[in-house]
């Protein structure tokens, strides 16, 4: 899961709101659920002022050449998202993001990191 972003969701009954739009809550989940996106599952494009609820805007932190285009590290609120782009985007610029893979909604459990504790 290196480079994965675990984005918070907002629950509204059986619907979960995410920065990329609303999705149905997965069957059998209760409590906190996160949208988990891996590098390569988010596309970035130059922001042109047309961002909507399903096309969030992020700030470009880094741009580097990658196979088939460019890899960007973007700040989406307090979260770091690794995205791909067909052209380099300037560091400090705004970019719109879109999912290029089905949403991965996973239960999120907060547990102690103390290894001396037994579950």
PDB file of N, CA and C in Angstrom:
ATOM      1  N   UNK A   1       0.809  -1.205   0.000  1.00  0.00           N
ATOM      2  CA  UNK A   1       0.000   0.000   0.000  1.00  0.00           C
ATOM      3  C   UNK A   1       0.847   1.262   0.000  1.00  0.00           C
ATOM      4  N   UNK A   2       2.099   1.138  -0.402  1.00  0.00           N
ATOM      5  CA  UNK A   2       2.980   2.296  -0.432  1.00  0.00           C
ATOM      6  C   UNK A   2       2.397   3.376  -1.345  1.00  0.00           C
ATOM      7  N   UNK A   3       2.234   4.556  -0.813  1.00  0.00           N
ATOM      8  CA  UNK A   3       1.710   5.670  -1.595  1.00  0.00           C
ATOM      9  C   UNK A   3       0.197   5.761  -1.609  1.00  0.00           C
ATOM     10  N   UNK A   4      -0.489   4.866  -0.912  1.00  0.00           N
ATOM     11  CA  UNK A   4      -1.951   4.905  -0.892  1.00  0.00           C
ATOM     12  C   UNK A   4      -2.443   6.108  -0.099  1.00  0.00           C
ATOM     13  N   UNK A   5      -3.524   6.707  -0.567  1.00  0.00           N
ATOM     14  CA  UNK A   5      -4.195   7.768   0.180  1.00  0.00           C
ATOM     15  C   UNK A   5      -5.472   7.176   0.766  1.00  0.00           C
ATOM     16  N   UNK A   6      -5.693   7.380   2.050  1.00  0.00           N
ATOM     17  CA  UNK A   6      -6.887   6.884   2.736  1.00  0.00           C
ATOM     18  C   UNK A   6      -7.749   8.098   3.074  1.00  0.00           C
ATOM     19  N   UNK A   7      -8.676   8.405   2.187  1.00  0.00           N
ATOM     20  CA  UNK A   7      -9.460   9.633   2.290  1.00  0.00           C
ATOM     21  C   UNK A   7     -10.719   9.416   3.110  1.00  0.00           C
ATOM     22  N   UNK A   8     -11.055  10.350   3.978  1.00  0.00           N
ATOM     23  CA  UNK A   8     -12.258  10.203   4.801  1.00  0.00           C
ATOM     24  C   UNK A   8     -13.523  10.296   3.956  1.00  0.00           C
ATOM     25  N   UNK A   9     -14.594   9.724   4.492  1.00  0.00           N
ATOM     26  CA  UNK A   9     -15.913   9.806   3.852  1.00  0.00           C
ATOM     27  C   UNK A   9     -16.892  10.450   4.820  1.00  0.00           C
ATOM     28  N   UNK A  10     -18.009  10.919   4.274  1.00  0.00           N
ATOM     29  CA  UNK A  10     -19.116  11.451   5.074  1.00  0.00           C
ATOM     30  C   UNK A  10     -20.308  10.531   4.860  1.00  0.00           C
ATOM     31  N   UNK A  11     -20.810   9.964   5.945  1.00  0.00           N
ATOM     32  CA  UNK A  11     -21.923   9.026   5.844  1.00  0.00           C
ATOM     33  C   UNK A  11     -23.251   9.760   5.824  1.00  0.00           C
ATOM     34  N   UNK A  12     -24.119   9.335   4.920  1.00  0.00           N
ATOM     35  CA  UNK A  12     -25.496   9.823   4.835  1.00  0.00           C
ATOM     36  C   UNK A  12     -26.360   8.608   4.548  1.00  0.00           C
ATOM     37  N   UNK A  13     -26.703   7.874   5.608  1.00  0.00           N
ATOM     38  CA  UNK A  13     -27.435   6.621   5.438  1.00  0.00           C
ATOM     39  C   UNK A  13     -26.551   5.592   4.761  1.00  0.00           C
ATOM     40  N   UNK A  14     -27.009   5.072   3.628  1.00  0.00           N
ATOM     41  CA  UNK A  14     -26.245   4.066   2.886  1.00  0.00           C
ATOM     42  C   UNK A  14     -25.383   4.682   1.794  1.00  0.00           C
ATOM     43  N   UNK A  15     -25.219   5.995   1.835  1.00  0.00           N
ATOM     44  CA  UNK A  15     -24.397   6.704   0.856  1.00  0.00           C
ATOM     45  C   UNK A  15     -23.198   7.311   1.560  1.00  0.00           C
ATOM     46  N   UNK A  16     -22.042   7.231   0.904  1.00  0.00           N
ATOM     47  CA  UNK A  16     -20.819   7.819   1.448  1.00  0.00           C
ATOM     48  C   UNK A  16     -20.362   8.933   0.516  1.00  0.00           C
ATOM     49  N   UNK A  17     -20.188  10.115   1.070  1.00  0.00           N
ATOM     50  CA  UNK A  17     -19.663  11.237   0.309  1.00  0.00           C
ATOM     51  C   UNK A  17     -18.146  11.236   0.384  1.00  0.00           C
ATOM     52  N   UNK A  18     -17.504  11.426  -0.754  1.00  0.00           N
ATOM     53  CA  UNK A  18     -16.045  11.469  -0.833  1.00  0.00           C
ATOM     54  C   UNK A  18     -15.652  12.696  -1.644  1.00  0.00           C
ATOM     55  N   UNK A  19     -14.374  13.046  -1.669  1.00  0.00           N
ATOM     56  CA  UNK A  19     -13.954  14.146  -2.533  1.00  0.00           C
ATOM     57  C   UNK A  19     -14.249  13.880  -4.011  1.00  0.00           C
ATOM     58  N   UNK A  20     -14.441  12.605  -4.387  1.00  0.00           N
ATOM     59  CA  UNK A  20     -14.695  12.227  -5.776  1.00  0.00           C
ATOM     60  C   UNK A  20     -16.161  11.940  -6.061  1.00  0.00           C
ATOM     61  N   UNK A  21     -17.047  12.318  -5.171  1.00  0.00           N
ATOM     62  CA  UNK A  21     -18.477  12.098  -5.367  1.00  0.00           C
ATOM     63  C   UNK A  21     -19.051  11.158  -4.331  1.00  0.00           C
ATOM     64  N   UNK A  22     -20.296  10.770  -4.559  1.00  0.00           N
ATOM     65  CA  UNK A  22     -20.999   9.885  -3.630  1.00  0.00           C
ATOM     66  C   UNK A  22     -21.030   8.466  -4.168  1.00  0.00           C
ATOM     67  N   UNK A  23     -20.880   7.515  -3.228  1.00  0.00           N
ATOM     68  CA  UNK A  23     -20.891   6.103  -3.575  1.00  0.00           C
ATOM     69  C   UNK A  23     -21.722   5.351  -2.546  1.00  0.00           C
ATOM     70  N   UNK A  24     -22.257   4.191  -2.955  1.00  0.00           N
ATOM     71  CA  UNK A  24     -23.027   3.355  -2.037  1.00  0.00           C
ATOM     72  C   UNK A  24     -22.093   2.757  -0.989  1.00  0.00           C
ATOM     73  N   UNK A  25     -22.568   2.741   0.252  1.00  0.00           N
ATOM     74  CA  UNK A  25     -21.795   2.102   1.334  1.00  0.00           C
ATOM     75  C   UNK A  25     -21.706   0.608   1.022  1.00  0.00           C
ATOM     76  N   UNK A  26     -20.512   0.020   1.103  1.00  0.00           N
ATOM     77  CA  UNK A  26     -20.382  -1.424   0.863  1.00  0.00           C
ATOM     78  C   UNK A  26     -21.215  -2.226   1.858  1.00  0.00           C
ATOM     79  N   UNK A  27     -21.837  -3.274   1.378  1.00  0.00           N
ATOM     80  CA  UNK A  27     -22.655  -4.139   2.219  1.00  0.00           C
ATOM     81  C   UNK A  27     -21.796  -4.715   3.336  1.00  0.00           C
ATOM     82  N   UNK A  28     -22.332  -4.719   4.534  1.00  0.00           N
ATOM     83  CA  UNK A  28     -21.641  -5.313   5.670  1.00  0.00           C
ATOM     84  C   UNK A  28     -20.685  -4.381   6.386  1.00  0.00           C
ATOM     85  N   UNK A  29     -20.618  -3.121   5.965  1.00  0.00           N
ATOM     86  CA  UNK A  29     -19.734  -2.181   6.662  1.00  0.00           C
ATOM     87  C   UNK A  29     -20.563  -1.288   7.571  1.00  0.00           C
ATOM     88  N   UNK A  30     -19.977  -0.958   8.684  1.00  0.00           N
ATOM     89  CA  UNK A  30     -20.602  -0.026   9.629  1.00  0.00           C
ATOM     90  C   UNK A  30     -19.488   0.847  10.175  1.00  0.00           C
ATOM     91  N   UNK A  31     -19.837   2.004  10.651  1.00  0.00           N
ATOM     92  CA  UNK A  31     -18.820   2.884  11.212  1.00  0.00           C
ATOM     93  C   UNK A  31     -18.040   3.599  10.135  1.00  0.00           C
ATOM     94  N   UNK A  32     -16.793   3.924  10.473  1.00  0.00           N
ATOM     95  CA  UNK A  32     -15.932   4.723   9.608  1.00  0.00           C
ATOM     96  C   UNK A  32     -15.475   3.904   8.402  1.00  0.00           C
ATOM     97  N   UNK A  33     -15.628   4.495   7.210  1.00  0.00           N
ATOM     98  CA  UNK A  33     -15.179   3.872   5.962  1.00  0.00           C
ATOM     99  C   UNK A  33     -14.303   4.889   5.245  1.00  0.00           C
ATOM    100  N   UNK A  34     -13.210   4.436   4.632  1.00  0.00           N
ATOM    101  CA  UNK A  34     -12.303   5.325   3.899  1.00  0.00           C
ATOM    102  C   UNK A  34     -12.276   4.954   2.425  1.00  0.00           C
ATOM    103  N   UNK A  35     -12.083   5.961   1.599  1.00  0.00           N
ATOM    104  CA  UNK A  35     -11.824   5.751   0.180  1.00  0.00           C
ATOM    105  C   UNK A  35     -10.311   5.617   0.035  1.00  0.00           C
ATOM    106  N   UNK A  36      -9.858   4.434  -0.369  1.00  0.00           N
ATOM    107  CA  UNK A  36      -8.433   4.164  -0.500  1.00  0.00           C
ATOM    108  C   UNK A  36      -8.072   4.201  -1.978  1.00  0.00           C
ATOM    109  N   UNK A  37      -7.148   5.097  -2.340  1.00  0.00           N
ATOM    110  CA  UNK A  37      -6.698   5.192  -3.727  1.00  0.00           C
ATOM    111  C   UNK A  37      -5.191   4.939  -3.780  1.00  0.00           C
ATOM    112  N   UNK A  38      -4.802   4.110  -4.716  1.00  0.00           N
ATOM    113  CA  UNK A  38      -3.399   3.758  -4.900  1.00  0.00           C
ATOM    114  C   UNK A  38      -2.795   4.625  -5.997  1.00  0.00           C
ATOM    115  N   UNK A  39      -1.470   4.755  -6.003  1.00  0.00           N
ATOM    116  CA  UNK A  39      -0.833   5.467  -7.113  1.00  0.00           C
ATOM    117  C   UNK A  39      -1.265   4.839  -8.446  1.00  0.00           C
ATOM    118  N   UNK A  40      -1.587   5.668  -9.396  1.00  0.00           N
ATOM    119  CA  UNK A  40      -2.049   5.198 -10.690  1.00  0.00           C
ATOM    120  C   UNK A  40      -3.557   5.144 -10.812  1.00  0.00           C
ATOM    121  N   UNK A  41      -4.289   5.311  -9.718  1.00  0.00           N
ATOM    122  CA  UNK A  41      -5.753   5.267  -9.759  1.00  0.00           C
ATOM    123  C   UNK A  41      -6.393   6.652  -9.799  1.00  0.00           C
ATOM    124  N   UNK A  42      -5.564   7.692  -9.826  1.00  0.00           N
ATOM    125  CA  UNK A  42      -6.074   9.058  -9.885  1.00  0.00           C
ATOM    126  C   UNK A  42      -5.390   9.762 -11.051  1.00  0.00           C
ATOM    127  N   UNK A  43      -6.193  10.470 -11.837  1.00  0.00           N
ATOM    128  CA  UNK A  43      -5.656  11.264 -12.944  1.00  0.00           C
ATOM    129  C   UNK A  43      -5.726  12.734 -12.573  1.00  0.00           C
ATOM    130  N   UNK A  44      -4.705  13.466 -12.997  1.00  0.00           N
ATOM    131  CA  UNK A  44      -4.641  14.906 -12.751  1.00  0.00           C
ATOM    132  C   UNK A  44      -4.676  15.638 -14.084  1.00  0.00           C
ATOM    133  N   UNK A  45      -5.331  16.793 -14.086  1.00  0.00           N
ATOM    134  CA  UNK A  45      -5.371  17.654 -15.272  1.00  0.00           C
ATOM    135  C   UNK A  45      -5.298  19.096 -14.800  1.00  0.00           C
ATOM    136  N   UNK A  46      -4.815  19.972 -15.655  1.00  0.00           N
ATOM    137  CA  UNK A  46      -4.725  21.390 -15.296  1.00  0.00           C
ATOM    138  C   UNK A  46      -6.112  21.901 -14.911  1.00  0.00           C
ATOM    139  N   UNK A  47      -6.186  22.588 -13.783  1.00  0.00           N
ATOM    140  CA  UNK A  47      -7.459  23.150 -13.326  1.00  0.00           C
ATOM    141  C   UNK A  47      -7.829  24.313 -14.229  1.00  0.00           C
ATOM    142  N   UNK A  48      -9.059  24.290 -14.708  1.00  0.00           N
ATOM    143  CA  UNK A  48      -9.514  25.377 -15.578  1.00  0.00           C
ATOM    144  C   UNK A  48     -10.731  26.094 -15.000  1.00  0.00           C
ATOM    145  N   UNK A  49     -10.934  25.932 -13.701  1.00  0.00           N
ATOM    146  CA  UNK A  49     -12.056  26.597 -13.042  1.00  0.00           C
ATOM    147  C   UNK A  49     -13.366  25.845 -13.134  1.00  0.00           C
ATOM    148  N   UNK A  50     -13.330  24.617 -13.648  1.00  0.00           N
ATOM    149  CA  UNK A  50     -14.571  23.867 -13.818  1.00  0.00           C
ATOM    150  C   UNK A  50     -14.715  22.730 -12.808  1.00  0.00           C
ATOM    151  N   UNK A  51     -14.062  22.838 -11.662  1.00  0.00           N
ATOM    152  CA  UNK A  51     -14.154  21.785 -10.649  1.00  0.00           C
ATOM    153  C   UNK A  51     -15.589  21.662 -10.147  1.00  0.00           C
ATOM    154  N   UNK A  52     -16.005  20.414  -9.888  1.00  0.00           N
ATOM    155  CA  UNK A  52     -17.337  20.137  -9.356  1.00  0.00           C
ATOM    156  C   UNK A  52     -17.177  19.259  -8.126  1.00  0.00           C
ATOM    157  N   UNK A  53     -18.298  18.807  -7.587  1.00  0.00           N
ATOM    158  CA  UNK A  53     -18.255  17.945  -6.406  1.00  0.00           C
ATOM    159  C   UNK A  53     -17.566  16.621  -6.697  1.00  0.00           C
ATOM    160  N   UNK A  54     -17.512  16.204  -7.964  1.00  0.00           N
ATOM    161  CA  UNK A  54     -16.872  14.931  -8.306  1.00  0.00           C
ATOM    162  C   UNK A  54     -15.503  15.134  -8.956  1.00  0.00           C
ATOM    163  N   UNK A  55     -15.076  16.364  -9.114  1.00  0.00           N
ATOM    164  CA  UNK A  55     -13.727  16.652  -9.626  1.00  0.00           C
ATOM    165  C   UNK A  55     -13.047  17.607  -8.652  1.00  0.00           C
ATOM    166  N   UNK A  56     -12.470  17.061  -7.594  1.00  0.00           N
ATOM    167  CA  UNK A  56     -11.843  17.920  -6.590  1.00  0.00           C
ATOM    168  C   UNK A  56     -10.607  18.631  -7.136  1.00  0.00           C
ATOM    169  N   UNK A  57     -10.267  19.740  -6.507  1.00  0.00           N
ATOM    170  CA  UNK A  57      -9.074  20.503  -6.856  1.00  0.00           C
ATOM    171  C   UNK A  57      -8.012  20.266  -5.797  1.00  0.00           C
ATOM    172  N   UNK A  58      -6.787  20.026  -6.255  1.00  0.00           N
ATOM    173  CA  UNK A  58      -5.651  19.795  -5.349  1.00  0.00           C
ATOM    174  C   UNK A  58      -4.507  20.702  -5.767  1.00  0.00           C
ATOM    175  N   UNK A  59      -3.520  20.827  -4.892  1.00  0.00           N
ATOM    176  CA  UNK A  59      -2.324  21.629  -5.153  1.00  0.00           C
ATOM    177  C   UNK A  59      -1.189  20.691  -5.536  1.00  0.00           C
ATOM    178  N   UNK A  60      -0.492  20.971  -6.645  1.00  0.00           N
ATOM    179  CA  UNK A  60       0.627  20.145  -7.104  1.00  0.00           C
ATOM    180  C   UNK A  60       1.834  20.421  -6.213  1.00  0.00           C
ATOM    181  N   UNK A  61       2.382  19.361  -5.615  1.00  0.00           N
ATOM    182  CA  UNK A  61       3.569  19.476  -4.759  1.00  0.00           C
ATOM    183  C   UNK A  61       4.843  19.089  -5.500  1.00  0.00           C
ATOM    184  N   UNK A  62       4.754  18.034  -6.326  1.00  0.00           N
ATOM    185  CA  UNK A  62       5.900  17.614  -7.136  1.00  0.00           C
ATOM    186  C   UNK A  62       5.395  17.073  -8.460  1.00  0.00           C
ATOM    187  N   UNK A  63       6.239  17.170  -9.477  1.00  0.00           N
ATOM    188  CA  UNK A  63       5.971  16.578 -10.792  1.00  0.00           C
ATOM    189  C   UNK A  63       7.242  15.872 -11.232  1.00  0.00           C
ATOM    190  N   UNK A  64       7.120  14.623 -11.662  1.00  0.00           N
ATOM    191  CA  UNK A  64       8.292  13.865 -12.111  1.00  0.00           C
ATOM    192  C   UNK A  64       7.916  13.023 -13.323  1.00  0.00           C
ATOM    193  N   UNK A  65       8.850  12.866 -14.264  1.00  0.00           N
ATOM    194  CA  UNK A  65       8.582  11.992 -15.403  1.00  0.00           C
ATOM    195  C   UNK A  65       8.319  10.564 -14.931  1.00  0.00           C
ATOM    196  N   UNK A  66       7.414   9.891 -15.605  1.00  0.00           N
ATOM    197  CA  UNK A  66       7.090   8.504 -15.291  1.00  0.00           C
ATOM    198  C   UNK A  66       6.746   7.796 -16.601  1.00  0.00           C
ATOM    199  N   UNK A  67       6.689   6.485 -16.565  1.00  0.00           N
ATOM    200  CA  UNK A  67       6.328   5.722 -17.749  1.00  0.00           C
ATOM    201  C   UNK A  67       4.943   6.166 -18.216  1.00  0.00           C
ATOM    202  N   UNK A  68       4.843   6.587 -19.461  1.00  0.00           N
ATOM    203  CA  UNK A  68       3.557   6.976 -20.022  1.00  0.00           C
ATOM    204  C   UNK A  68       3.110   8.384 -19.684  1.00  0.00           C
ATOM    205  N   UNK A  69       3.925   9.178 -19.023  1.00  0.00           N
ATOM    206  CA  UNK A  69       3.523  10.549 -18.687  1.00  0.00           C
ATOM    207  C   UNK A  69       4.290  11.097 -17.510  1.00  0.00           C
ATOM    208  N   UNK A  70       3.552  11.581 -16.524  1.00  0.00           N
ATOM    209  CA  UNK A  70       4.156  12.202 -15.352  1.00  0.00           C
ATOM    210  C   UNK A  70       3.451  11.737 -14.096  1.00  0.00           C
ATOM    211  N   UNK A  71       4.217  11.659 -13.006  1.00  0.00           N
ATOM    212  CA  UNK A  71       3.652  11.339 -11.701  1.00  0.00           C
ATOM    213  C   UNK A  71       3.680  12.600 -10.856  1.00  0.00           C
ATOM    214  N   UNK A  72       2.534  12.903 -10.250  1.00  0.00           N
ATOM    215  CA  UNK A  72       2.409  14.091  -9.419  1.00  0.00           C
ATOM    216  C   UNK A  72       2.084  13.684  -7.992  1.00  0.00           C
ATOM    217  N   UNK A  73       2.620  14.431  -7.059  1.00  0.00           N
ATOM    218  CA  UNK A  73       2.181  14.338  -5.661  1.00  0.00           C
ATOM    219  C   UNK A  73       1.366  15.589  -5.417  1.00  0.00           C
ATOM    220  N   UNK A  74       0.142  15.399  -4.958  1.00  0.00           N
ATOM    221  CA  UNK A  74      -0.800  16.509  -4.812  1.00  0.00           C
ATOM    222  C   UNK A  74      -1.362  16.551  -3.402  1.00  0.00           C
ATOM    223  N   UNK A  75      -1.578  17.761  -2.907  1.00  0.00           N
ATOM    224  CA  UNK A  75      -2.218  17.955  -1.602  1.00  0.00           C
ATOM    225  C   UNK A  75      -3.710  18.137  -1.839  1.00  0.00           C
ATOM    226  N   UNK A  76      -4.477  17.189  -1.364  1.00  0.00           N
ATOM    227  CA  UNK A  76      -5.932  17.255  -1.415  1.00  0.00           C
ATOM    228  C   UNK A  76      -6.397  17.467   0.016  1.00  0.00           C
ATOM    229  N   UNK A  77      -6.589  18.716   0.383  1.00  0.00           N
ATOM    230  CA  UNK A  77      -6.844  19.033   1.784  1.00  0.00           C
ATOM    231  C   UNK A  77      -5.622  18.656   2.595  1.00  0.00           C
ATOM    232  N   UNK A  78      -5.816  17.834   3.624  1.00  0.00           N
ATOM    233  CA  UNK A  78      -4.718  17.383   4.482  1.00  0.00           C
ATOM    234  C   UNK A  78      -4.100  16.069   4.012  1.00  0.00           C
ATOM    235  N   UNK A  79      -4.487  15.599   2.833  1.00  0.00           N
ATOM    236  CA  UNK A  79      -4.056  14.282   2.375  1.00  0.00           C
ATOM    237  C   UNK A  79      -3.164  14.389   1.144  1.00  0.00           C
ATOM    238  N   UNK A  80      -2.204  13.479   1.055  1.00  0.00           N
ATOM    239  CA  UNK A  80      -1.297  13.404  -0.079  1.00  0.00           C
ATOM    240  C   UNK A  80      -1.826  12.350  -1.042  1.00  0.00           C
ATOM    241  N   UNK A  81      -2.035  12.750  -2.299  1.00  0.00           N
ATOM    242  CA  UNK A  81      -2.539  11.849  -3.330  1.00  0.00           C
ATOM    243  C   UNK A  81      -1.503  11.789  -4.443  1.00  0.00           C
ATOM    244  N   UNK A  82      -1.153  10.571  -4.864  1.00  0.00           N
ATOM    245  CA  UNK A  82      -0.254  10.383  -5.998  1.00  0.00           C
ATOM    246  C   UNK A  82      -1.127  10.208  -7.232  1.00  0.00           C
ATOM    247  N   UNK A  83      -0.906  11.059  -8.231  1.00  0.00           N
ATOM    248  CA  UNK A  83      -1.732  11.049  -9.433  1.00  0.00           C
ATOM    249  C   UNK A  83      -0.851  10.958 -10.669  1.00  0.00           C
ATOM    250  N   UNK A  84      -1.460  10.567 -11.787  1.00  0.00           N
ATOM    251  CA  UNK A  84      -0.747  10.550 -13.057  1.00  0.00           C
ATOM    252  C   UNK A  84      -1.306  11.653 -13.944  1.00  0.00           C
ATOM    253  N   UNK A  85      -0.455  12.140 -14.843  1.00  0.00           N
ATOM    254  CA  UNK A  85      -0.864  13.193 -15.776  1.00  0.00           C
ATOM    255  C   UNK A  85      -0.169  12.951 -17.107  1.00  0.00           C
ATOM    256  N   UNK A  86      -0.780  13.440 -18.193  1.00  0.00           N
ATOM    257  CA  UNK A  86      -0.183  13.281 -19.515  1.00  0.00           C
ATOM    258  C   UNK A  86       0.838  14.367 -19.805  1.00  0.00           C
ATOM    259  N   UNK A  87       0.790  15.461 -19.043  1.00  0.00           N
ATOM    260  CA  UNK A  87       1.718  16.580 -19.227  1.00  0.00           C
ATOM    261  C   UNK A  87       2.206  17.045 -17.859  1.00  0.00           C
ATOM    262  N   UNK A  88       3.387  17.631 -17.794  1.00  0.00           N
ATOM    263  CA  UNK A  88       3.865  18.130 -16.497  1.00  0.00           C
ATOM    264  C   UNK A  88       3.024  19.319 -16.055  1.00  0.00           C
ATOM    265  N   UNK A  89       2.712  19.358 -14.782  1.00  0.00           N
ATOM    266  CA  UNK A  89       1.975  20.491 -14.216  1.00  0.00           C
ATOM    267  C   UNK A  89       2.910  21.231 -13.271  1.00  0.00           C
ATOM    268  N   UNK A  90       2.895  22.551 -13.287  1.00  0.00           N
ATOM    269  CA  UNK A  90       3.829  23.314 -12.457  1.00  0.00           C
ATOM    270  C   UNK A  90       3.600  23.092 -10.963  1.00  0.00           C
ATOM    271  N   UNK A  91       4.694  22.970 -10.228  1.00  0.00           N
ATOM    272  CA  UNK A  91       4.613  22.877  -8.770  1.00  0.00           C
ATOM    273  C   UNK A  91       3.944  24.149  -8.255  1.00  0.00           C
ATOM    274  N   UNK A  92       2.994  23.982  -7.346  1.00  0.00           N
ATOM    275  CA  UNK A  92       2.259  25.109  -6.788  1.00  0.00           C
ATOM    276  C   UNK A  92       0.963  25.416  -7.519  1.00  0.00           C
ATOM    277  N   UNK A  93       0.763  24.810  -8.681  1.00  0.00           N
ATOM    278  CA  UNK A  93      -0.473  25.070  -9.431  1.00  0.00           C
ATOM    279  C   UNK A  93      -1.609  24.207  -8.904  1.00  0.00           C
ATOM    280  N   UNK A  94      -2.813  24.550  -9.280  1.00  0.00           N
ATOM    281  CA  UNK A  94      -3.980  23.747  -8.942  1.00  0.00           C
ATOM    282  C   UNK A  94      -4.232  22.736 -10.049  1.00  0.00           C
ATOM    283  N   UNK A  95      -4.752  21.583  -9.661  1.00  0.00           N
ATOM    284  CA  UNK A  95      -5.083  20.527 -10.602  1.00  0.00           C
ATOM    285  C   UNK A  95      -6.410  19.920 -10.213  1.00  0.00           C
ATOM    286  N   UNK A  96      -7.165  19.464 -11.203  1.00  0.00           N
ATOM    287  CA  UNK A  96      -8.372  18.713 -10.902  1.00  0.00           C
ATOM    288  C   UNK A  96      -8.011  17.236 -10.919  1.00  0.00           C
ATOM    289  N   UNK A  97      -8.649  16.476 -10.049  1.00  0.00           N
ATOM    290  CA  UNK A  97      -8.377  15.050  -9.915  1.00  0.00           C
ATOM    291  C   UNK A  97      -9.617  14.253 -10.285  1.00  0.00           C
ATOM    292  N   UNK A  98      -9.404  13.086 -10.854  1.00  0.00           N
ATOM    293  CA  UNK A  98     -10.511  12.172 -11.141  1.00  0.00           C
ATOM    294  C   UNK A  98     -10.035  10.743 -10.924  1.00  0.00           C
ATOM    295  N   UNK A  99     -10.963   9.882 -10.523  1.00  0.00           N
ATOM    296  CA  UNK A  99     -10.634   8.467 -10.327  1.00  0.00           C
ATOM    297  C   UNK A  99     -10.561   7.783 -11.681  1.00  0.00           C
ATOM    298  N   UNK A 100      -9.556   6.945 -11.855  1.00  0.00           N
ATOM    299  CA  UNK A 100      -9.446   6.159 -13.084  1.00  0.00           C
ATOM    300  C   UNK A 100      -9.682   4.676 -12.798  1.00  0.00           C
ATOM    301  N   UNK A 101     -10.144   4.380 -11.602  1.00  0.00           N
ATOM    302  CA  UNK A 101     -10.434   3.012 -11.178  1.00  0.00           C
ATOM    303  C   UNK A 101     -11.701   3.054 -10.325  1.00  0.00           C
ATOM    304  N   UNK A 102     -12.394   1.927 -10.190  1.00  0.00           N
ATOM    305  CA  UNK A 102     -13.572   1.907  -9.318  1.00  0.00           C
ATOM    306  C   UNK A 102     -13.180   2.298  -7.889  1.00  0.00           C
ATOM    307  N   UNK A 103     -14.099   2.931  -7.158  1.00  0.00           N
ATOM    308  CA  UNK A 103     -13.770   3.337  -5.784  1.00  0.00           C
ATOM    309  C   UNK A 103     -13.523   2.119  -4.894  1.00  0.00           C
ATOM    310  N   UNK A 104     -12.523   2.240  -4.036  1.00  0.00           N
ATOM    311  CA  UNK A 104     -12.191   1.197  -3.065  1.00  0.00           C
ATOM    312  C   UNK A 104     -12.554   1.732  -1.694  1.00  0.00           C
ATOM    313  N   UNK A 105     -13.718   1.326  -1.190  1.00  0.00           N
ATOM    314  CA  UNK A 105     -14.215   1.798   0.103  1.00  0.00           C
ATOM    315  C   UNK A 105     -13.984   0.703   1.135  1.00  0.00           C
ATOM    316  N   UNK A 106     -13.161   1.006   2.130  1.00  0.00           N
ATOM    317  CA  UNK A 106     -12.766  -0.001   3.115  1.00  0.00           C
ATOM    318  C   UNK A 106     -13.076   0.469   4.528  1.00  0.00           C
ATOM    319  N   UNK A 107     -13.472  -0.472   5.398  1.00  0.00           N
ATOM    320  CA  UNK A 107     -13.685  -0.117   6.810  1.00  0.00           C
ATOM    321  C   UNK A 107     -12.385   0.396   7.411  1.00  0.00           C
ATOM    322  N   UNK A 108     -12.503   1.367   8.286  1.00  0.00           N
ATOM    323  CA  UNK A 108     -11.331   1.995   8.908  1.00  0.00           C
ATOM    324  C   UNK A 108     -11.427   1.778  10.403  1.00  0.00           C
ATOM    325  N   UNK A 109     -10.460   1.041  10.956  1.00  0.00           N
ATOM    326  CA  UNK A 109     -10.458   0.781  12.390  1.00  0.00           C
ATOM    327  C   UNK A 109      -9.224   1.396  12.998  1.00  0.00           C
ATOM    328  N   UNK A 110      -9.448   2.144  14.047  1.00  0.00           N
ATOM    329  CA  UNK A 110      -8.321   2.736  14.768  1.00  0.00           C
ATOM    330  C   UNK A 110      -7.955   1.805  15.902  1.00  0.00           C
ATOM    331  N   UNK A 111      -6.726   1.342  15.894  1.00  0.00           N
ATOM    332  CA  UNK A 111      -6.256   0.439  16.935  1.00  0.00           C
ATOM    333  C   UNK A 111      -4.962   0.966  17.509  1.00  0.00           C
ATOM    334  N   UNK A 112      -4.671   0.532  18.700  1.00  0.00           N
ATOM    335  CA  UNK A 112      -3.425   0.901  19.353  1.00  0.00           C
ATOM    336  C   UNK A 112      -2.242   0.335  18.565  1.00  0.00           C
ATOM    337  N   UNK A 113      -1.191   1.113  18.476  1.00  0.00           N
ATOM    338  CA  UNK A 113       0.019   0.629  17.812  1.00  0.00           C
ATOM    339  C   UNK A 113       0.996   0.040  18.829  1.00  0.00           C
ATOM    340  N   UNK A 114       0.575  -0.061  20.076  1.00  0.00           N
ATOM    341  CA  UNK A 114       1.416  -0.634  21.127  1.00  0.00           C
ATOM    342  C   UNK A 114       1.493  -2.149  20.917  1.00  0.00           C
ATOM    343  N   UNK A 115       2.673  -2.663  20.566  1.00  0.00           N
ATOM    344  CA  UNK A 115       2.823  -4.080  20.255  1.00  0.00           C
ATOM    345  C   UNK A 115       2.744  -4.962  21.497  1.00  0.00           C
ATOM    346  N   UNK A 116       2.837  -4.356  22.690  1.00  0.00           N
ATOM    347  CA  UNK A 116       2.761  -5.146  23.908  1.00  0.00           C
ATOM    348  C   UNK A 116       1.321  -5.508  24.270  1.00  0.00           C
ATOM    349  N   UNK A 117       0.359  -4.844  23.645  1.00  0.00           N
ATOM    350  CA  UNK A 117      -1.039  -5.131  23.954  1.00  0.00           C
ATOM    351  C   UNK A 117      -1.514  -6.300  23.117  1.00  0.00           C
ATOM    352  N   UNK A 118      -2.365  -7.129  23.696  1.00  0.00           N
ATOM    353  CA  UNK A 118      -2.952  -8.235  22.944  1.00  0.00           C
ATOM    354  C   UNK A 118      -4.328  -7.804  22.480  1.00  0.00           C
ATOM    355  N   UNK A 119      -4.748  -8.289  21.317  1.00  0.00           N
ATOM    356  CA  UNK A 119      -6.062  -7.879  20.793  1.00  0.00           C
ATOM    357  C   UNK A 119      -7.217  -8.346  21.620  1.00  0.00           C
TER     358      UNK A 119
END
